[in-house]
Structure formats: structure tokens, C-alpha cells
Amino acid sequence: MFTSVMIVGCSVGPSVIKGTVIMRTPTEAHINLGSEDGIQVGDTLTVWRDESQRGSRTRNVRIGEVRVVKVIDKNYSAVEVLKGNPYERDIVEKKAR
């Protein structure tokens, strides 16, 4: 007897979409995530910063949150800062829906 099992759409844990702060002005920031990544106006993303010392493991520290105010195109969005003070090269992340 032969039994066949098919598993479709199985996920071990929540998916995460990660990008980077690529530009910062006094009033907003731009990130390298856009419509192609599933980003939408109103999405809130967590901001992380690599605080590791030279020669040590990566140590990401949560430093704030941003909210998408405009999806510029398939690769870029403008965000407003809700908490913290993100810099260029900080990591932004959103749990996928």
C-alpha cells in the first residue's frame, strides 16, 4: 500500500519582510521596500540598529517604529517616524500578513 501526502502553503513561523532606511530628512525617511514587497500605506514597521562591536556577533537593538505614509514605487516608500530616531542603514522589518 502506498500513501501520498501533499502539504501546501505550510509555514513554520511568521514571515518577515526586511529592508533598510536609505534616506533621512528632519520630517521623514525613505526605505527600500515598496509595492513589490507588499508594503501599503499605514503599515507599521519596527526599526533595528546593529550595535555590535568590531569583531563580535551581530547585536540588533530595537530603536523605534515607523509608519508608511506613501508607497513611492515598487521598491521604495516614505515613512514617518513614530518612535525613536532612525538613521540611514538601520534595518526596518514588518511581519508579513
N, C-alpha and C. Protein backbone atom coordinates (compact mmCIF):
# COMPACT_ATOMS: atom_id res chain seq x y z
N MET A 1 0.84 -1.17 0.00
CA MET A 1 0.00 0.00 0.00
C MET A 1 0.89 1.24 0.00
N PHE A 2 0.56 2.22 -0.83
CA PHE A 2 1.34 3.44 -0.97
C PHE A 2 0.46 4.61 -0.57
N THR A 3 0.95 5.45 0.36
CA THR A 3 0.20 6.62 0.80
C THR A 3 0.94 7.87 0.39
N SER A 4 0.24 8.80 -0.19
CA SER A 4 0.83 10.06 -0.64
C SER A 4 0.28 11.20 0.20
N VAL A 5 1.15 12.09 0.62
CA VAL A 5 0.74 13.24 1.42
C VAL A 5 1.25 14.50 0.73
N MET A 6 0.37 15.47 0.57
CA MET A 6 0.77 16.75 -0.02
C MET A 6 0.48 17.86 0.98
N ILE A 7 1.47 18.68 1.24
CA ILE A 7 1.31 19.82 2.13
C ILE A 7 1.48 21.07 1.29
N VAL A 8 0.48 21.93 1.31
CA VAL A 8 0.51 23.15 0.51
C VAL A 8 0.40 24.34 1.44
N GLY A 9 1.24 25.34 1.22
CA GLY A 9 1.15 26.58 1.99
C GLY A 9 1.48 26.43 3.46
N CYS A 10 2.39 25.58 3.79
CA CYS A 10 2.76 25.36 5.18
C CYS A 10 3.87 26.33 5.56
N SER A 11 3.77 26.90 6.73
CA SER A 11 4.78 27.83 7.21
C SER A 11 5.17 27.46 8.62
N VAL A 12 6.46 27.47 8.90
CA VAL A 12 6.95 27.12 10.23
C VAL A 12 6.74 28.27 11.21
N GLY A 13 6.90 29.50 10.77
CA GLY A 13 6.75 30.65 11.63
C GLY A 13 6.35 31.86 10.81
N PRO A 14 6.17 33.01 11.45
CA PRO A 14 5.76 34.19 10.71
C PRO A 14 6.85 34.66 9.75
N SER A 15 6.43 35.05 8.56
CA SER A 15 7.38 35.61 7.59
C SER A 15 7.69 37.05 7.97
N VAL A 16 8.88 37.48 7.64
CA VAL A 16 9.30 38.83 7.95
C VAL A 16 9.84 39.47 6.69
N ILE A 17 9.40 40.70 6.42
CA ILE A 17 9.91 41.48 5.30
C ILE A 17 10.92 42.45 5.89
N LYS A 18 12.16 42.42 5.36
CA LYS A 18 13.21 43.29 5.89
C LYS A 18 13.73 44.23 4.81
N GLY A 19 14.03 45.44 5.23
CA GLY A 19 14.62 46.44 4.35
C GLY A 19 15.54 47.35 5.14
N THR A 20 15.84 48.50 4.56
CA THR A 20 16.80 49.42 5.15
C THR A 20 16.32 50.86 5.00
N VAL A 21 16.64 51.69 5.99
CA VAL A 21 16.44 53.13 5.86
C VAL A 21 17.51 53.63 4.91
N ILE A 22 17.10 54.23 3.80
CA ILE A 22 18.07 54.66 2.79
C ILE A 22 18.28 56.17 2.76
N MET A 23 17.35 56.93 3.36
CA MET A 23 17.49 58.37 3.40
C MET A 23 16.71 58.90 4.58
N ARG A 24 17.23 59.94 5.21
CA ARG A 24 16.54 60.54 6.36
C ARG A 24 16.58 62.04 6.24
N THR A 25 15.43 62.68 6.41
CA THR A 25 15.34 64.13 6.48
C THR A 25 14.76 64.47 7.86
N PRO A 26 14.69 65.73 8.22
CA PRO A 26 14.10 66.06 9.52
C PRO A 26 12.63 65.64 9.65
N THR A 27 11.92 65.52 8.53
CA THR A 27 10.48 65.24 8.62
C THR A 27 10.08 63.83 8.22
N GLU A 28 10.92 63.10 7.49
CA GLU A 28 10.56 61.75 7.07
C GLU A 28 11.81 60.94 6.75
N ALA A 29 11.56 59.69 6.41
CA ALA A 29 12.64 58.80 5.98
C ALA A 29 12.13 58.00 4.78
N HIS A 30 13.05 57.48 3.99
CA HIS A 30 12.69 56.59 2.88
C HIS A 30 13.30 55.22 3.16
N ILE A 31 12.56 54.18 2.80
CA ILE A 31 13.03 52.81 2.97
C ILE A 31 13.02 52.11 1.63
N ASN A 32 13.82 51.05 1.52
CA ASN A 32 13.92 50.34 0.24
C ASN A 32 12.95 49.16 0.17
N LEU A 33 11.72 49.39 0.59
CA LEU A 33 10.62 48.44 0.45
C LEU A 33 9.46 49.17 -0.20
N GLY A 34 8.80 48.51 -1.14
CA GLY A 34 7.69 49.15 -1.84
C GLY A 34 6.57 48.19 -2.15
N SER A 35 5.80 48.53 -3.17
CA SER A 35 4.61 47.73 -3.51
C SER A 35 4.96 46.30 -3.88
N GLU A 36 6.11 46.09 -4.49
CA GLU A 36 6.53 44.73 -4.84
C GLU A 36 6.75 43.86 -3.61
N ASP A 37 7.03 44.49 -2.47
CA ASP A 37 7.26 43.78 -1.21
C ASP A 37 5.98 43.63 -0.40
N GLY A 38 4.87 44.15 -0.92
CA GLY A 38 3.60 44.08 -0.20
C GLY A 38 3.40 45.20 0.78
N ILE A 39 4.22 46.23 0.72
CA ILE A 39 4.11 47.37 1.62
C ILE A 39 2.91 48.23 1.21
N GLN A 40 2.15 48.69 2.21
CA GLN A 40 0.97 49.53 1.96
C GLN A 40 0.98 50.72 2.90
N VAL A 41 0.33 51.81 2.47
CA VAL A 41 0.19 52.98 3.32
C VAL A 41 -0.50 52.55 4.62
N GLY A 42 0.06 53.01 5.73
CA GLY A 42 -0.47 52.66 7.05
C GLY A 42 0.27 51.53 7.74
N ASP A 43 1.07 50.77 6.99
CA ASP A 43 1.85 49.69 7.61
C ASP A 43 2.82 50.27 8.63
N THR A 44 2.97 49.57 9.75
CA THR A 44 3.93 49.96 10.77
C THR A 44 5.08 48.96 10.76
N LEU A 45 6.31 49.48 10.77
CA LEU A 45 7.50 48.65 10.73
C LEU A 45 8.37 48.94 11.96
N THR A 46 9.03 47.92 12.45
CA THR A 46 9.96 48.05 13.57
C THR A 46 11.33 48.42 13.01
N VAL A 47 12.05 49.30 13.72
CA VAL A 47 13.38 49.73 13.29
C VAL A 47 14.41 49.14 14.25
N TRP A 48 15.45 48.53 13.67
CA TRP A 48 16.54 47.90 14.43
C TRP A 48 17.86 48.52 14.02
N ARG A 49 18.80 48.53 14.94
CA ARG A 49 20.15 49.03 14.65
C ARG A 49 21.17 47.98 15.11
N ASP A 50 22.18 47.77 14.29
CA ASP A 50 23.27 46.85 14.63
C ASP A 50 24.19 47.57 15.60
N GLU A 51 24.20 47.13 16.84
CA GLU A 51 25.02 47.75 17.89
C GLU A 51 26.23 46.89 18.25
N SER A 52 26.59 45.96 17.37
CA SER A 52 27.72 45.08 17.68
C SER A 52 29.03 45.86 17.59
N GLN A 53 29.99 45.39 18.34
CA GLN A 53 31.33 45.96 18.31
C GLN A 53 32.14 45.24 17.25
N ARG A 54 33.16 45.86 16.77
CA ARG A 54 34.01 45.26 15.75
C ARG A 54 34.50 43.88 16.19
N GLY A 55 34.32 42.89 15.32
CA GLY A 55 34.79 41.55 15.59
C GLY A 55 33.83 40.69 16.40
N SER A 56 32.68 41.26 16.79
CA SER A 56 31.73 40.45 17.56
C SER A 56 30.52 40.10 16.70
N ARG A 57 29.65 39.27 17.26
CA ARG A 57 28.44 38.89 16.55
C ARG A 57 27.50 40.08 16.38
N THR A 58 26.60 39.96 15.41
CA THR A 58 25.59 40.99 15.20
C THR A 58 24.70 41.08 16.43
N ARG A 59 24.44 42.29 16.86
CA ARG A 59 23.58 42.53 18.01
C ARG A 59 22.61 43.63 17.63
N ASN A 60 21.44 43.23 17.12
CA ASN A 60 20.44 44.21 16.71
C ASN A 60 19.62 44.66 17.91
N VAL A 61 19.48 45.98 18.04
CA VAL A 61 18.74 46.58 19.13
C VAL A 61 17.54 47.32 18.55
N ARG A 62 16.37 47.07 19.12
CA ARG A 62 15.16 47.75 18.66
C ARG A 62 15.25 49.22 19.05
N ILE A 63 15.12 50.11 18.05
CA ILE A 63 15.26 51.54 18.36
C ILE A 63 14.02 52.36 18.04
N GLY A 64 13.00 51.75 17.43
CA GLY A 64 11.81 52.54 17.17
C GLY A 64 10.83 51.90 16.21
N GLU A 65 9.90 52.75 15.73
CA GLU A 65 8.88 52.33 14.78
C GLU A 65 8.64 53.44 13.78
N VAL A 66 8.27 53.03 12.56
CA VAL A 66 7.89 53.97 11.51
C VAL A 66 6.58 53.50 10.89
N ARG A 67 5.87 54.45 10.25
CA ARG A 67 4.62 54.12 9.56
C ARG A 67 4.73 54.60 8.11
N VAL A 68 4.30 53.76 7.19
CA VAL A 68 4.34 54.11 5.77
C VAL A 68 3.29 55.17 5.47
N VAL A 69 3.74 56.30 4.89
CA VAL A 69 2.83 57.39 4.52
C VAL A 69 2.64 57.47 3.01
N LYS A 70 3.60 56.92 2.25
CA LYS A 70 3.48 56.93 0.79
C LYS A 70 4.30 55.79 0.21
N VAL A 71 3.68 54.99 -0.65
CA VAL A 71 4.42 53.99 -1.41
C VAL A 71 4.85 54.70 -2.70
N ILE A 72 6.15 54.93 -2.84
CA ILE A 72 6.67 55.70 -3.96
C ILE A 72 6.62 54.90 -5.25
N ASP A 73 7.08 53.66 -5.19
CA ASP A 73 7.03 52.75 -6.34
C ASP A 73 7.20 51.32 -5.86
N LYS A 74 7.57 50.43 -6.75
CA LYS A 74 7.66 49.02 -6.36
C LYS A 74 8.80 48.73 -5.39
N ASN A 75 9.77 49.65 -5.28
CA ASN A 75 10.95 49.41 -4.44
C ASN A 75 11.14 50.37 -3.27
N TYR A 76 10.38 51.45 -3.22
CA TYR A 76 10.64 52.48 -2.21
C TYR A 76 9.35 53.03 -1.60
N SER A 77 9.44 53.42 -0.31
CA SER A 77 8.33 54.04 0.39
C SER A 77 8.85 55.15 1.29
N ALA A 78 7.98 56.12 1.56
CA ALA A 78 8.26 57.18 2.52
C ALA A 78 7.56 56.81 3.82
N VAL A 79 8.25 57.05 4.94
CA VAL A 79 7.70 56.70 6.25
C VAL A 79 7.82 57.89 7.20
N GLU A 80 6.91 57.94 8.17
CA GLU A 80 7.01 58.91 9.26
C GLU A 80 7.52 58.17 10.49
N VAL A 81 8.29 58.87 11.29
CA VAL A 81 8.85 58.26 12.50
C VAL A 81 7.83 58.35 13.62
N LEU A 82 7.49 57.20 14.20
CA LEU A 82 6.56 57.16 15.33
C LEU A 82 7.30 57.14 16.66
N LYS A 83 8.39 56.37 16.71
CA LYS A 83 9.20 56.25 17.93
C LYS A 83 10.66 56.14 17.53
N GLY A 84 11.55 56.68 18.36
CA GLY A 84 12.98 56.54 18.14
C GLY A 84 13.54 57.57 17.18
N ASN A 85 14.76 57.31 16.74
CA ASN A 85 15.48 58.22 15.84
C ASN A 85 16.26 57.38 14.83
N PRO A 86 15.58 56.86 13.80
CA PRO A 86 16.28 56.00 12.84
C PRO A 86 17.30 56.77 12.01
N TYR A 87 18.39 56.08 11.70
CA TYR A 87 19.46 56.61 10.85
C TYR A 87 19.47 55.84 9.54
N GLU A 88 20.17 56.40 8.56
CA GLU A 88 20.41 55.66 7.32
C GLU A 88 21.15 54.37 7.67
N ARG A 89 20.81 53.30 6.99
CA ARG A 89 21.35 51.94 7.15
C ARG A 89 20.73 51.16 8.30
N ASP A 90 19.83 51.77 9.09
CA ASP A 90 19.11 50.99 10.09
C ASP A 90 18.20 50.01 9.36
N ILE A 91 17.86 48.93 10.02
CA ILE A 91 17.04 47.87 9.44
C ILE A 91 15.57 48.14 9.80
N VAL A 92 14.69 47.98 8.81
CA VAL A 92 13.25 48.04 9.08
C VAL A 92 12.68 46.66 8.81
N GLU A 93 11.68 46.28 9.60
CA GLU A 93 11.10 44.96 9.41
C GLU A 93 9.61 44.98 9.68
N LYS A 94 8.90 44.20 8.88
CA LYS A 94 7.46 44.07 9.00
C LYS A 94 7.11 42.60 8.94
N LYS A 95 6.30 42.16 9.87
CA LYS A 95 5.81 40.79 9.80
C LYS A 95 4.79 40.70 8.67
N ALA A 96 4.96 39.71 7.81
CA ALA A 96 4.06 39.53 6.67
C ALA A 96 2.69 39.12 7.15
N ARG A 97 1.68 39.54 6.42
CA ARG A 97 0.31 39.20 6.76
C ARG A 97 -0.01 37.81 6.36
